[in-house]
Amino acid sequence: MNRLLVVTAVEAEAEAVRSGADATTVHVAPVGVGPAAAAAGTARLLALAEARGIPYRAVLSAGIAGGFAGRADVGATVLGARSIAADLGAETPDGFLPVEELGFGSSIAEADVSLLESLSTALPHAVVGDVLTLATVTGTARTATSLLNRFPTAVAEAMEGYGVACAARDAGVPFAELRTISNPIGPRDRTSWRLAEAFSALTDAAAKACG
């Protein structure tokens, strides 16, 4: 049986997913923090599986994330319709230019339609929208507002989804992103973070979507 690959950034996220997922049909692995580590780690896992003759049926980038207030509040579960590399491009005096406008490719990775539909059915209360991938976590209200203006359908930000999506695309494997919200995006106020709640929500989501 071809298994689902679920990749997380860190072991704590992997453990939360494992606590809910069916180990016979799902392989969960932490691949590192940030888009580069996520892409490299995911590509390695996909290549090894392909070499063994048992390729994965799909890849899910999963973990906790920051949510845009009013769109995905703390404790919410989010499904990425698109994973967007929000800081892939160039700064100019007139504002940020995405890589598309520079003529160097695309900063947007669409979730596999069938996989997203399956996840949405399993998680009917999940918020569906764009999940931003950034190498630097947003820590100011100014940056949060800028991101909202640039990405009007964004609901959350994390650090790995776009990297995982690139590895999945190159391997020809369906991809989607699942996140649970631990904190609001904006000024870094650690007292507002609810890690335990987000990890619990991640386990619950894994049980429903990957059980």
N, C-alpha and C. Protein backbone atom coordinates (compact mmCIF):
# COMPACT_ATOMS: atom_id res chain seq x y z
N MET A 1 0.84 -1.20 0.00
CA MET A 1 0.00 0.00 0.00
C MET A 1 0.88 1.25 0.00
N ASN A 2 0.63 2.17 -0.94
CA ASN A 2 1.36 3.42 -0.96
C ASN A 2 0.85 4.34 0.15
N ARG A 3 1.78 4.80 0.97
CA ARG A 3 1.39 5.59 2.13
C ARG A 3 1.37 7.09 1.83
N LEU A 4 0.70 7.82 2.68
CA LEU A 4 0.72 9.27 2.67
C LEU A 4 1.94 9.73 3.45
N LEU A 5 2.70 10.66 2.89
CA LEU A 5 3.83 11.26 3.60
C LEU A 5 3.39 12.57 4.22
N VAL A 6 3.57 12.69 5.53
CA VAL A 6 3.29 13.95 6.23
C VAL A 6 4.61 14.48 6.75
N VAL A 7 5.00 15.67 6.29
CA VAL A 7 6.24 16.26 6.75
C VAL A 7 5.94 17.47 7.64
N THR A 8 6.71 17.58 8.71
CA THR A 8 6.60 18.71 9.63
C THR A 8 7.97 19.38 9.73
N ALA A 9 8.02 20.51 10.38
CA ALA A 9 9.30 21.17 10.59
C ALA A 9 10.08 20.51 11.72
N VAL A 10 9.42 20.30 12.86
CA VAL A 10 10.11 19.82 14.05
C VAL A 10 9.44 18.57 14.62
N GLU A 11 10.16 17.91 15.51
CA GLU A 11 9.68 16.64 16.07
C GLU A 11 8.40 16.82 16.88
N ALA A 12 8.25 17.94 17.58
CA ALA A 12 7.03 18.14 18.38
C ALA A 12 5.79 18.12 17.49
N GLU A 13 5.88 18.70 16.31
CA GLU A 13 4.76 18.66 15.37
C GLU A 13 4.55 17.24 14.85
N ALA A 14 5.65 16.57 14.56
CA ALA A 14 5.54 15.18 14.07
C ALA A 14 4.87 14.29 15.10
N GLU A 15 5.21 14.46 16.36
CA GLU A 15 4.60 13.66 17.42
C GLU A 15 3.11 13.95 17.54
N ALA A 16 2.74 15.21 17.38
CA ALA A 16 1.31 15.56 17.44
C ALA A 16 0.55 14.88 16.32
N VAL A 17 1.13 14.84 15.11
CA VAL A 17 0.47 14.18 13.99
C VAL A 17 0.42 12.68 14.21
N ARG A 18 1.54 12.10 14.65
CA ARG A 18 1.58 10.65 14.89
C ARG A 18 0.54 10.21 15.90
N SER A 19 0.26 11.06 16.87
CA SER A 19 -0.71 10.71 17.91
C SER A 19 -2.11 10.52 17.35
N GLY A 20 -2.38 11.10 16.17
CA GLY A 20 -3.70 10.96 15.59
C GLY A 20 -3.74 10.11 14.33
N ALA A 21 -2.61 10.05 13.61
CA ALA A 21 -2.59 9.38 12.31
C ALA A 21 -2.50 7.87 12.43
N ASP A 22 -2.92 7.19 11.39
CA ASP A 22 -2.82 5.73 11.28
C ASP A 22 -1.43 5.39 10.77
N ALA A 23 -0.60 4.78 11.61
CA ALA A 23 0.79 4.51 11.26
C ALA A 23 0.93 3.51 10.12
N THR A 24 -0.10 2.74 9.85
CA THR A 24 0.00 1.76 8.76
C THR A 24 -0.19 2.40 7.39
N THR A 25 -0.80 3.57 7.35
CA THR A 25 -1.05 4.22 6.06
C THR A 25 -0.39 5.60 5.94
N VAL A 26 0.24 6.05 7.01
CA VAL A 26 0.83 7.39 7.04
C VAL A 26 2.25 7.33 7.58
N HIS A 27 3.18 7.97 6.90
CA HIS A 27 4.56 8.11 7.39
C HIS A 27 4.77 9.58 7.74
N VAL A 28 5.15 9.85 8.98
CA VAL A 28 5.33 11.21 9.47
C VAL A 28 6.81 11.45 9.74
N ALA A 29 7.35 12.56 9.22
CA ALA A 29 8.78 12.83 9.41
C ALA A 29 9.03 14.33 9.52
N PRO A 30 9.84 14.76 10.51
CA PRO A 30 10.26 16.15 10.56
C PRO A 30 11.41 16.36 9.57
N VAL A 31 11.40 17.48 8.83
CA VAL A 31 12.41 17.70 7.81
C VAL A 31 13.19 18.99 8.00
N GLY A 32 12.89 19.75 9.06
CA GLY A 32 13.64 20.96 9.31
C GLY A 32 12.81 22.22 9.14
N VAL A 33 13.33 23.31 9.67
CA VAL A 33 12.62 24.60 9.69
C VAL A 33 13.02 25.42 8.47
N GLY A 34 12.04 26.01 7.83
CA GLY A 34 12.29 26.90 6.70
C GLY A 34 12.10 26.22 5.36
N PRO A 35 11.87 27.00 4.30
CA PRO A 35 11.56 26.42 3.00
C PRO A 35 12.69 25.61 2.39
N ALA A 36 13.94 26.01 2.60
CA ALA A 36 15.06 25.27 2.01
C ALA A 36 15.19 23.89 2.63
N ALA A 37 15.19 23.82 3.96
CA ALA A 37 15.29 22.53 4.64
C ALA A 37 14.10 21.65 4.32
N ALA A 38 12.92 22.26 4.24
CA ALA A 38 11.71 21.50 3.94
C ALA A 38 11.77 20.90 2.54
N ALA A 39 12.23 21.69 1.57
CA ALA A 39 12.32 21.19 0.19
C ALA A 39 13.35 20.07 0.10
N ALA A 40 14.51 20.27 0.70
CA ALA A 40 15.57 19.26 0.62
C ALA A 40 15.16 17.97 1.33
N GLY A 41 14.61 18.10 2.53
CA GLY A 41 14.23 16.92 3.29
C GLY A 41 13.11 16.14 2.64
N THR A 42 12.13 16.86 2.11
CA THR A 42 11.01 16.20 1.44
C THR A 42 11.47 15.51 0.16
N ALA A 43 12.32 16.18 -0.61
CA ALA A 43 12.83 15.60 -1.85
C ALA A 43 13.59 14.30 -1.56
N ARG A 44 14.36 14.29 -0.49
CA ARG A 44 15.11 13.07 -0.13
C ARG A 44 14.17 11.93 0.21
N LEU A 45 13.15 12.21 1.00
CA LEU A 45 12.19 11.16 1.38
C LEU A 45 11.45 10.62 0.16
N LEU A 46 11.06 11.51 -0.74
CA LEU A 46 10.35 11.08 -1.94
C LEU A 46 11.25 10.24 -2.84
N ALA A 47 12.52 10.65 -2.97
CA ALA A 47 13.45 9.91 -3.82
C ALA A 47 13.75 8.53 -3.26
N LEU A 48 13.91 8.44 -1.94
CA LEU A 48 14.18 7.14 -1.32
C LEU A 48 13.00 6.20 -1.49
N ALA A 49 11.80 6.71 -1.33
CA ALA A 49 10.61 5.88 -1.50
C ALA A 49 10.48 5.41 -2.95
N GLU A 50 10.76 6.30 -3.88
CA GLU A 50 10.71 5.94 -5.30
C GLU A 50 11.74 4.86 -5.61
N ALA A 51 12.94 5.00 -5.05
CA ALA A 51 14.00 4.02 -5.30
C ALA A 51 13.65 2.65 -4.73
N ARG A 52 12.87 2.62 -3.64
CA ARG A 52 12.46 1.34 -3.04
C ARG A 52 11.28 0.73 -3.79
N GLY A 53 10.72 1.46 -4.72
CA GLY A 53 9.58 0.95 -5.47
C GLY A 53 8.26 1.08 -4.76
N ILE A 54 8.21 1.91 -3.72
CA ILE A 54 6.97 2.13 -2.97
C ILE A 54 6.76 3.64 -2.79
N PRO A 55 6.52 4.35 -3.88
CA PRO A 55 6.37 5.80 -3.80
C PRO A 55 5.17 6.21 -2.94
N TYR A 56 5.27 7.38 -2.36
CA TYR A 56 4.15 7.91 -1.57
C TYR A 56 3.02 8.33 -2.50
N ARG A 57 1.80 8.21 -2.02
CA ARG A 57 0.64 8.58 -2.84
C ARG A 57 0.39 10.08 -2.82
N ALA A 58 0.88 10.77 -1.79
CA ALA A 58 0.70 12.22 -1.68
C ALA A 58 1.60 12.73 -0.56
N VAL A 59 1.79 14.05 -0.54
CA VAL A 59 2.60 14.70 0.50
C VAL A 59 1.75 15.78 1.17
N LEU A 60 1.78 15.79 2.49
CA LEU A 60 1.07 16.81 3.27
C LEU A 60 2.07 17.55 4.14
N SER A 61 2.16 18.85 3.95
CA SER A 61 2.95 19.70 4.85
C SER A 61 2.06 20.07 6.02
N ALA A 62 2.48 19.71 7.23
CA ALA A 62 1.62 19.91 8.39
C ALA A 62 2.40 20.51 9.56
N GLY A 63 1.68 21.20 10.42
CA GLY A 63 2.30 21.77 11.60
C GLY A 63 1.48 22.92 12.15
N ILE A 64 2.07 23.66 13.06
CA ILE A 64 1.40 24.82 13.63
C ILE A 64 1.79 26.07 12.85
N ALA A 65 1.03 27.14 13.01
CA ALA A 65 1.25 28.34 12.22
C ALA A 65 0.68 29.55 12.91
N GLY A 66 1.01 30.71 12.38
CA GLY A 66 0.37 31.94 12.82
C GLY A 66 -0.85 32.19 11.95
N GLY A 67 -1.88 32.76 12.52
CA GLY A 67 -3.11 33.03 11.77
C GLY A 67 -3.40 34.52 11.71
N PHE A 68 -3.95 34.95 10.59
CA PHE A 68 -4.38 36.34 10.47
C PHE A 68 -5.68 36.52 11.26
N ALA A 69 -5.67 37.43 12.21
CA ALA A 69 -6.82 37.65 13.09
C ALA A 69 -8.08 37.94 12.27
N GLY A 70 -9.15 37.26 12.66
CA GLY A 70 -10.41 37.43 11.97
C GLY A 70 -10.58 36.50 10.79
N ARG A 71 -9.51 35.85 10.39
CA ARG A 71 -9.57 34.89 9.28
C ARG A 71 -9.30 33.47 9.78
N ALA A 72 -8.29 33.34 10.61
CA ALA A 72 -7.98 32.05 11.22
C ALA A 72 -7.47 32.33 12.63
N ASP A 73 -8.34 32.20 13.60
CA ASP A 73 -8.00 32.54 14.97
C ASP A 73 -7.29 31.39 15.67
N VAL A 74 -6.73 31.68 16.81
CA VAL A 74 -5.99 30.68 17.58
C VAL A 74 -6.87 29.45 17.84
N GLY A 75 -6.31 28.28 17.57
CA GLY A 75 -7.03 27.02 17.74
C GLY A 75 -7.67 26.51 16.47
N ALA A 76 -7.76 27.37 15.45
CA ALA A 76 -8.39 26.97 14.19
C ALA A 76 -7.51 26.01 13.40
N THR A 77 -8.16 25.24 12.53
CA THR A 77 -7.45 24.38 11.59
C THR A 77 -7.57 25.01 10.21
N VAL A 78 -6.45 25.02 9.49
CA VAL A 78 -6.38 25.68 8.19
C VAL A 78 -5.93 24.70 7.12
N LEU A 79 -6.55 24.77 5.95
CA LEU A 79 -6.11 24.02 4.77
C LEU A 79 -5.70 25.03 3.71
N GLY A 80 -4.52 24.83 3.15
CA GLY A 80 -4.01 25.75 2.14
C GLY A 80 -4.53 25.44 0.75
N ALA A 81 -5.32 26.34 0.20
CA ALA A 81 -5.72 26.21 -1.20
C ALA A 81 -4.50 26.46 -2.08
N ARG A 82 -3.64 27.38 -1.61
CA ARG A 82 -2.36 27.64 -2.26
C ARG A 82 -1.31 27.87 -1.17
N SER A 83 -0.09 27.46 -1.46
CA SER A 83 1.05 27.77 -0.60
C SER A 83 1.90 28.78 -1.36
N ILE A 84 2.11 29.94 -0.77
CA ILE A 84 2.72 31.06 -1.49
C ILE A 84 4.01 31.50 -0.80
N ALA A 85 5.10 31.55 -1.57
CA ALA A 85 6.37 32.06 -1.06
C ALA A 85 6.28 33.58 -1.04
N ALA A 86 5.87 34.12 0.08
CA ALA A 86 5.51 35.54 0.17
C ALA A 86 6.71 36.47 0.10
N ASP A 87 7.91 35.97 0.40
CA ASP A 87 9.09 36.83 0.37
C ASP A 87 10.04 36.47 -0.77
N LEU A 88 9.54 35.76 -1.79
CA LEU A 88 10.35 35.38 -2.94
C LEU A 88 10.16 36.43 -4.03
N GLY A 89 11.15 37.31 -4.17
CA GLY A 89 11.04 38.40 -5.11
C GLY A 89 12.08 39.46 -4.83
N ALA A 90 11.72 40.71 -5.03
CA ALA A 90 12.68 41.80 -4.84
C ALA A 90 11.99 43.03 -4.26
N GLU A 91 12.72 43.73 -3.40
CA GLU A 91 12.24 45.00 -2.89
C GLU A 91 12.58 46.10 -3.89
N THR A 92 11.67 47.06 -4.06
CA THR A 92 11.92 48.22 -4.92
C THR A 92 11.42 49.46 -4.20
N PRO A 93 11.80 50.64 -4.66
CA PRO A 93 11.28 51.87 -4.03
C PRO A 93 9.76 51.96 -4.11
N ASP A 94 9.17 51.24 -5.06
CA ASP A 94 7.71 51.29 -5.23
C ASP A 94 7.00 50.12 -4.56
N GLY A 95 7.74 49.30 -3.83
CA GLY A 95 7.13 48.16 -3.15
C GLY A 95 7.75 46.84 -3.56
N PHE A 96 7.17 45.77 -3.07
CA PHE A 96 7.71 44.43 -3.31
C PHE A 96 7.28 43.90 -4.68
N LEU A 97 8.23 43.30 -5.40
CA LEU A 97 7.93 42.66 -6.68
C LEU A 97 8.04 41.15 -6.51
N PRO A 98 6.96 40.40 -6.70
CA PRO A 98 7.05 38.94 -6.62
C PRO A 98 7.88 38.39 -7.77
N VAL A 99 8.34 37.17 -7.59
CA VAL A 99 9.24 36.57 -8.58
C VAL A 99 8.60 36.48 -9.95
N GLU A 100 7.27 36.38 -10.00
CA GLU A 100 6.57 36.34 -11.29
C GLU A 100 6.86 37.59 -12.13
N GLU A 101 6.86 38.75 -11.46
CA GLU A 101 7.07 40.01 -12.17
C GLU A 101 8.52 40.20 -12.57
N LEU A 102 9.41 39.42 -11.97
CA LEU A 102 10.82 39.46 -12.35
C LEU A 102 11.11 38.49 -13.50
N GLY A 103 10.13 37.64 -13.81
CA GLY A 103 10.31 36.69 -14.89
C GLY A 103 11.11 35.46 -14.52
N PHE A 104 11.12 35.12 -13.20
CA PHE A 104 11.95 34.01 -12.74
C PHE A 104 11.16 32.83 -12.20
N GLY A 105 9.93 32.64 -12.66
CA GLY A 105 9.15 31.50 -12.18
C GLY A 105 7.93 31.92 -11.42
N SER A 106 7.50 31.08 -10.49
CA SER A 106 6.26 31.32 -9.75
C SER A 106 6.48 31.16 -8.26
N SER A 107 5.81 32.00 -7.50
CA SER A 107 5.86 31.92 -6.03
C SER A 107 4.64 31.20 -5.48
N ILE A 108 3.80 30.66 -6.35
CA ILE A 108 2.53 30.07 -5.93
C ILE A 108 2.48 28.58 -6.26
N ALA A 109 2.15 27.77 -5.27
CA ALA A 109 1.96 26.33 -5.46
C ALA A 109 0.52 25.99 -5.11
N GLU A 110 -0.22 25.52 -6.08
CA GLU A 110 -1.61 25.14 -5.87
C GLU A 110 -1.69 23.78 -5.18
N ALA A 111 -2.59 23.64 -4.23
CA ALA A 111 -2.84 22.33 -3.63
C ALA A 111 -3.50 21.42 -4.66
N ASP A 112 -3.21 20.13 -4.57
CA ASP A 112 -3.88 19.17 -5.44
C ASP A 112 -5.38 19.20 -5.16
N VAL A 113 -6.17 19.33 -6.22
CA VAL A 113 -7.61 19.53 -6.07
C VAL A 113 -8.27 18.35 -5.36
N SER A 114 -7.94 17.14 -5.76
CA SER A 114 -8.57 15.96 -5.16
C SER A 114 -8.16 15.79 -3.71
N LEU A 115 -6.88 16.04 -3.42
CA LEU A 115 -6.40 15.90 -2.05
C LEU A 115 -7.03 16.96 -1.16
N LEU A 116 -7.11 18.19 -1.65
CA LEU A 116 -7.73 19.25 -0.86
C LEU A 116 -9.20 18.96 -0.61
N GLU A 117 -9.88 18.43 -1.61
CA GLU A 117 -11.29 18.09 -1.45
C GLU A 117 -11.46 17.00 -0.39
N SER A 118 -10.59 16.01 -0.41
CA SER A 118 -10.65 14.93 0.58
C SER A 118 -10.41 15.46 1.99
N LEU A 119 -9.43 16.34 2.13
CA LEU A 119 -9.13 16.92 3.44
C LEU A 119 -10.28 17.80 3.91
N SER A 120 -10.87 18.55 3.01
CA SER A 120 -11.99 19.43 3.37
C SER A 120 -13.20 18.62 3.83
N THR A 121 -13.40 17.47 3.22
CA THR A 121 -14.51 16.60 3.63
C THR A 121 -14.25 16.04 5.02
N ALA A 122 -13.01 15.65 5.29
CA ALA A 122 -12.66 15.10 6.60
C ALA A 122 -12.65 16.18 7.68
N LEU A 123 -12.37 17.42 7.27
CA LEU A 123 -12.26 18.53 8.22
C LEU A 123 -13.21 19.66 7.78
N PRO A 124 -14.51 19.46 7.91
CA PRO A 124 -15.48 20.42 7.37
C PRO A 124 -15.43 21.79 8.02
N HIS A 125 -14.86 21.89 9.21
CA HIS A 125 -14.81 23.19 9.89
C HIS A 125 -13.48 23.91 9.65
N ALA A 126 -12.62 23.32 8.86
CA ALA A 126 -11.32 23.95 8.59
C ALA A 126 -11.51 25.20 7.73
N VAL A 127 -10.65 26.18 7.98
CA VAL A 127 -10.62 27.40 7.17
C VAL A 127 -9.76 27.12 5.94
N VAL A 128 -10.30 27.36 4.77
CA VAL A 128 -9.56 27.13 3.52
C VAL A 128 -9.15 28.48 2.94
N GLY A 129 -7.87 28.62 2.65
CA GLY A 129 -7.36 29.87 2.09
C GLY A 129 -5.90 29.73 1.78
N ASP A 130 -5.26 30.81 1.41
CA ASP A 130 -3.84 30.77 1.10
C ASP A 130 -3.01 30.73 2.39
N VAL A 131 -1.97 29.90 2.38
CA VAL A 131 -1.02 29.86 3.48
C VAL A 131 0.31 30.40 2.96
N LEU A 132 0.81 31.46 3.59
CA LEU A 132 2.05 32.08 3.17
C LEU A 132 3.25 31.35 3.76
N THR A 133 4.29 31.20 2.95
CA THR A 133 5.56 30.65 3.41
C THR A 133 6.56 31.79 3.49
N LEU A 134 7.15 31.99 4.66
CA LEU A 134 8.17 33.02 4.84
C LEU A 134 9.37 32.45 5.57
N ALA A 135 10.57 32.87 5.20
CA ALA A 135 11.76 32.45 5.90
C ALA A 135 11.94 33.22 7.20
N THR A 136 11.30 34.37 7.29
CA THR A 136 11.34 35.19 8.51
C THR A 136 9.92 35.35 9.04
N VAL A 137 9.69 34.94 10.26
CA VAL A 137 8.36 35.04 10.86
C VAL A 137 7.98 36.51 11.05
N THR A 138 6.76 36.85 10.72
CA THR A 138 6.27 38.22 10.89
C THR A 138 6.24 38.58 12.37
N GLY A 139 6.76 39.78 12.69
CA GLY A 139 6.81 40.19 14.09
C GLY A 139 6.34 41.60 14.36
N THR A 140 5.77 42.25 13.33
CA THR A 140 5.27 43.61 13.52
C THR A 140 3.91 43.78 12.88
N ALA A 141 3.16 44.72 13.38
CA ALA A 141 1.84 45.02 12.81
C ALA A 141 2.00 45.56 11.39
N ARG A 142 3.06 46.30 11.14
CA ARG A 142 3.28 46.87 9.80
C ARG A 142 3.45 45.77 8.76
N THR A 143 4.26 44.76 9.06
CA THR A 143 4.46 43.67 8.12
C THR A 143 3.19 42.85 7.94
N ALA A 144 2.47 42.63 9.03
CA ALA A 144 1.22 41.88 8.94
C ALA A 144 0.23 42.59 8.03
N THR A 145 0.13 43.91 8.16
CA THR A 145 -0.77 44.69 7.31
C THR A 145 -0.34 44.65 5.86
N SER A 146 0.97 44.74 5.63
CA SER A 146 1.50 44.66 4.27
C SER A 146 1.16 43.32 3.62
N LEU A 147 1.31 42.24 4.37
CA LEU A 147 1.00 40.92 3.84
C LEU A 147 -0.49 40.78 3.53
N LEU A 148 -1.31 41.31 4.40
CA LEU A 148 -2.77 41.26 4.16
C LEU A 148 -3.15 42.02 2.90
N ASN A 149 -2.47 43.15 2.67
CA ASN A 149 -2.76 43.94 1.48
C ASN A 149 -2.29 43.22 0.21
N ARG A 150 -1.16 42.56 0.30
CA ARG A 150 -0.61 41.86 -0.87
C ARG A 150 -1.33 40.55 -1.14
N PHE A 151 -1.84 39.92 -0.07
CA PHE A 151 -2.45 38.60 -0.21
C PHE A 151 -3.83 38.61 0.46
N PRO A 152 -4.83 39.12 -0.23
CA PRO A 152 -6.16 39.30 0.39
C PRO A 152 -6.87 38.02 0.77
N THR A 153 -6.43 36.87 0.25
CA THR A 153 -7.07 35.60 0.62
C THR A 153 -6.18 34.76 1.53
N ALA A 154 -5.12 35.35 2.06
CA ALA A 154 -4.25 34.62 2.99
C ALA A 154 -4.93 34.47 4.34
N VAL A 155 -4.77 33.29 4.94
CA VAL A 155 -5.35 33.04 6.26
C VAL A 155 -4.30 32.73 7.31
N ALA A 156 -3.10 32.33 6.88
CA ALA A 156 -2.07 31.92 7.84
C ALA A 156 -0.70 32.06 7.22
N GLU A 157 0.33 32.01 8.07
CA GLU A 157 1.70 31.97 7.58
C GLU A 157 2.48 30.91 8.35
N ALA A 158 3.38 30.24 7.62
CA ALA A 158 4.28 29.26 8.21
C ALA A 158 5.62 29.37 7.48
N MET A 159 6.47 28.36 7.59
CA MET A 159 7.82 28.50 7.05
C MET A 159 8.24 27.37 6.10
N GLU A 160 7.34 26.42 5.82
CA GLU A 160 7.78 25.26 5.04
C GLU A 160 6.93 24.89 3.83
N GLY A 161 5.67 25.30 3.78
CA GLY A 161 4.74 24.77 2.79
C GLY A 161 5.21 24.86 1.35
N TYR A 162 5.70 26.04 0.94
CA TYR A 162 6.12 26.22 -0.44
C TYR A 162 7.31 25.31 -0.78
N GLY A 163 8.22 25.13 0.17
CA GLY A 163 9.36 24.25 -0.06
C GLY A 163 8.93 22.81 -0.27
N VAL A 164 8.00 22.35 0.57
CA VAL A 164 7.46 21.00 0.43
C VAL A 164 6.75 20.85 -0.91
N ALA A 165 6.00 21.88 -1.28
CA ALA A 165 5.26 21.85 -2.55
C ALA A 165 6.19 21.73 -3.74
N CYS A 166 7.32 22.42 -3.70
CA CYS A 166 8.28 22.34 -4.81
C CYS A 166 8.84 20.93 -4.95
N ALA A 167 9.16 20.29 -3.82
CA ALA A 167 9.67 18.92 -3.87
C ALA A 167 8.61 17.97 -4.41
N ALA A 168 7.38 18.15 -3.96
CA ALA A 168 6.29 17.29 -4.43
C ALA A 168 6.03 17.49 -5.92
N ARG A 169 6.05 18.73 -6.36
CA ARG A 169 5.83 19.02 -7.78
C ARG A 169 6.89 18.35 -8.66
N ASP A 170 8.14 18.46 -8.25
CA ASP A 170 9.22 17.89 -9.05
C ASP A 170 9.17 16.36 -9.09
N ALA A 171 8.58 15.77 -8.03
CA ALA A 171 8.44 14.31 -7.98
C ALA A 171 7.13 13.83 -8.59
N GLY A 172 6.27 14.76 -8.98
CA GLY A 172 4.98 14.38 -9.55
C GLY A 172 4.03 13.77 -8.55
N VAL A 173 4.09 14.25 -7.29
CA VAL A 173 3.27 13.71 -6.20
C VAL A 173 2.29 14.78 -5.74
N PRO A 174 1.01 14.44 -5.53
CA PRO A 174 0.03 15.42 -5.05
C PRO A 174 0.46 16.05 -3.72
N PHE A 175 0.13 17.33 -3.54
CA PHE A 175 0.55 18.08 -2.36
C PHE A 175 -0.61 18.89 -1.79
N ALA A 176 -0.59 19.05 -0.46
CA ALA A 176 -1.49 19.98 0.23
C ALA A 176 -0.83 20.41 1.54
N GLU A 177 -1.39 21.44 2.16
CA GLU A 177 -0.84 21.96 3.42
C GLU A 177 -1.94 22.05 4.46
N LEU A 178 -1.63 21.57 5.67
CA LEU A 178 -2.56 21.59 6.80
C LEU A 178 -1.87 22.26 7.99
N ARG A 179 -2.52 23.22 8.59
CA ARG A 179 -1.94 23.93 9.74
C ARG A 179 -2.99 24.12 10.83
N THR A 180 -2.51 24.19 12.06
CA THR A 180 -3.36 24.61 13.17
C THR A 180 -2.74 25.86 13.78
N ILE A 181 -3.58 26.77 14.24
CA ILE A 181 -3.11 28.12 14.59
C ILE A 181 -2.75 28.22 16.07
N SER A 182 -1.52 28.65 16.31
CA SER A 182 -1.02 28.77 17.68
C SER A 182 -0.96 30.22 18.16
N ASN A 183 -0.95 31.17 17.23
CA ASN A 183 -0.79 32.58 17.61
C ASN A 183 -1.26 33.49 16.49
N PRO A 184 -1.66 34.71 16.85
CA PRO A 184 -2.02 35.69 15.81
C PRO A 184 -0.76 36.25 15.16
N ILE A 185 -0.84 36.57 13.87
CA ILE A 185 0.29 37.16 13.15
C ILE A 185 0.37 38.64 13.50
N GLY A 186 1.59 39.10 13.79
CA GLY A 186 1.80 40.50 14.14
C GLY A 186 2.87 40.62 15.21
N PRO A 187 2.79 41.63 16.07
CA PRO A 187 3.79 41.80 17.12
C PRO A 187 3.98 40.52 17.94
N ARG A 188 5.24 40.18 18.20
CA ARG A 188 5.54 38.92 18.87
C ARG A 188 5.26 39.02 20.38
N ASP A 189 4.09 38.56 20.75
CA ASP A 189 3.67 38.54 22.14
C ASP A 189 3.53 37.08 22.56
N ARG A 190 4.57 36.55 23.20
CA ARG A 190 4.57 35.12 23.54
C ARG A 190 3.44 34.75 24.50
N THR A 191 2.94 35.72 25.24
CA THR A 191 1.85 35.41 26.17
C THR A 191 0.55 35.08 25.43
N SER A 192 0.47 35.46 24.15
CA SER A 192 -0.74 35.19 23.37
C SER A 192 -0.66 33.86 22.63
N TRP A 193 0.49 33.20 22.70
CA TRP A 193 0.65 31.93 21.99
C TRP A 193 -0.04 30.81 22.77
N ARG A 194 -0.67 29.90 22.05
CA ARG A 194 -1.37 28.76 22.64
C ARG A 194 -0.86 27.48 21.98
N LEU A 195 0.39 27.13 22.32
CA LEU A 195 1.03 25.98 21.67
C LEU A 195 0.31 24.68 22.00
N ALA A 196 -0.05 24.49 23.25
CA ALA A 196 -0.72 23.24 23.64
C ALA A 196 -2.03 23.08 22.89
N GLU A 197 -2.77 24.17 22.75
CA GLU A 197 -4.04 24.13 22.04
C GLU A 197 -3.82 23.81 20.56
N ALA A 198 -2.79 24.39 19.98
CA ALA A 198 -2.50 24.14 18.56
C ALA A 198 -2.05 22.71 18.32
N PHE A 199 -1.21 22.18 19.21
CA PHE A 199 -0.76 20.79 19.07
C PHE A 199 -1.93 19.82 19.24
N SER A 200 -2.82 20.12 20.18
CA SER A 200 -4.00 19.28 20.37
C SER A 200 -4.88 19.30 19.13
N ALA A 201 -5.05 20.48 18.54
CA ALA A 201 -5.85 20.60 17.32
C ALA A 201 -5.19 19.86 16.17
N LEU A 202 -3.86 19.85 16.14
CA LEU A 202 -3.12 19.13 15.08
C LEU A 202 -3.35 17.63 15.21
N THR A 203 -3.32 17.12 16.43
CA THR A 203 -3.60 15.69 16.65
C THR A 203 -5.02 15.34 16.22
N ASP A 204 -5.96 16.19 16.58
CA ASP A 204 -7.36 15.95 16.23
C ASP A 204 -7.55 15.98 14.70
N ALA A 205 -6.90 16.94 14.05
CA ALA A 205 -7.00 17.03 12.59
C ALA A 205 -6.39 15.80 11.93
N ALA A 206 -5.26 15.34 12.45
CA ALA A 206 -4.60 14.16 11.89
C ALA A 206 -5.47 12.93 12.05
N ALA A 207 -6.15 12.81 13.18
CA ALA A 207 -7.03 11.67 13.41
C ALA A 207 -8.17 11.64 12.41
N LYS A 208 -8.69 12.80 12.05
CA LYS A 208 -9.81 12.89 11.12
C LYS A 208 -9.37 12.77 9.66
N ALA A 209 -8.22 13.35 9.35
CA ALA A 209 -7.78 13.40 7.96
C ALA A 209 -6.83 12.28 7.58
N CYS A 210 -6.12 11.73 8.57
CA CYS A 210 -5.08 10.73 8.29
C CYS A 210 -5.25 9.48 9.14
N GLY A 211 -6.41 9.34 9.76
CA GLY A 211 -6.62 8.20 10.67
C GLY A 211 -6.96 6.91 9.93
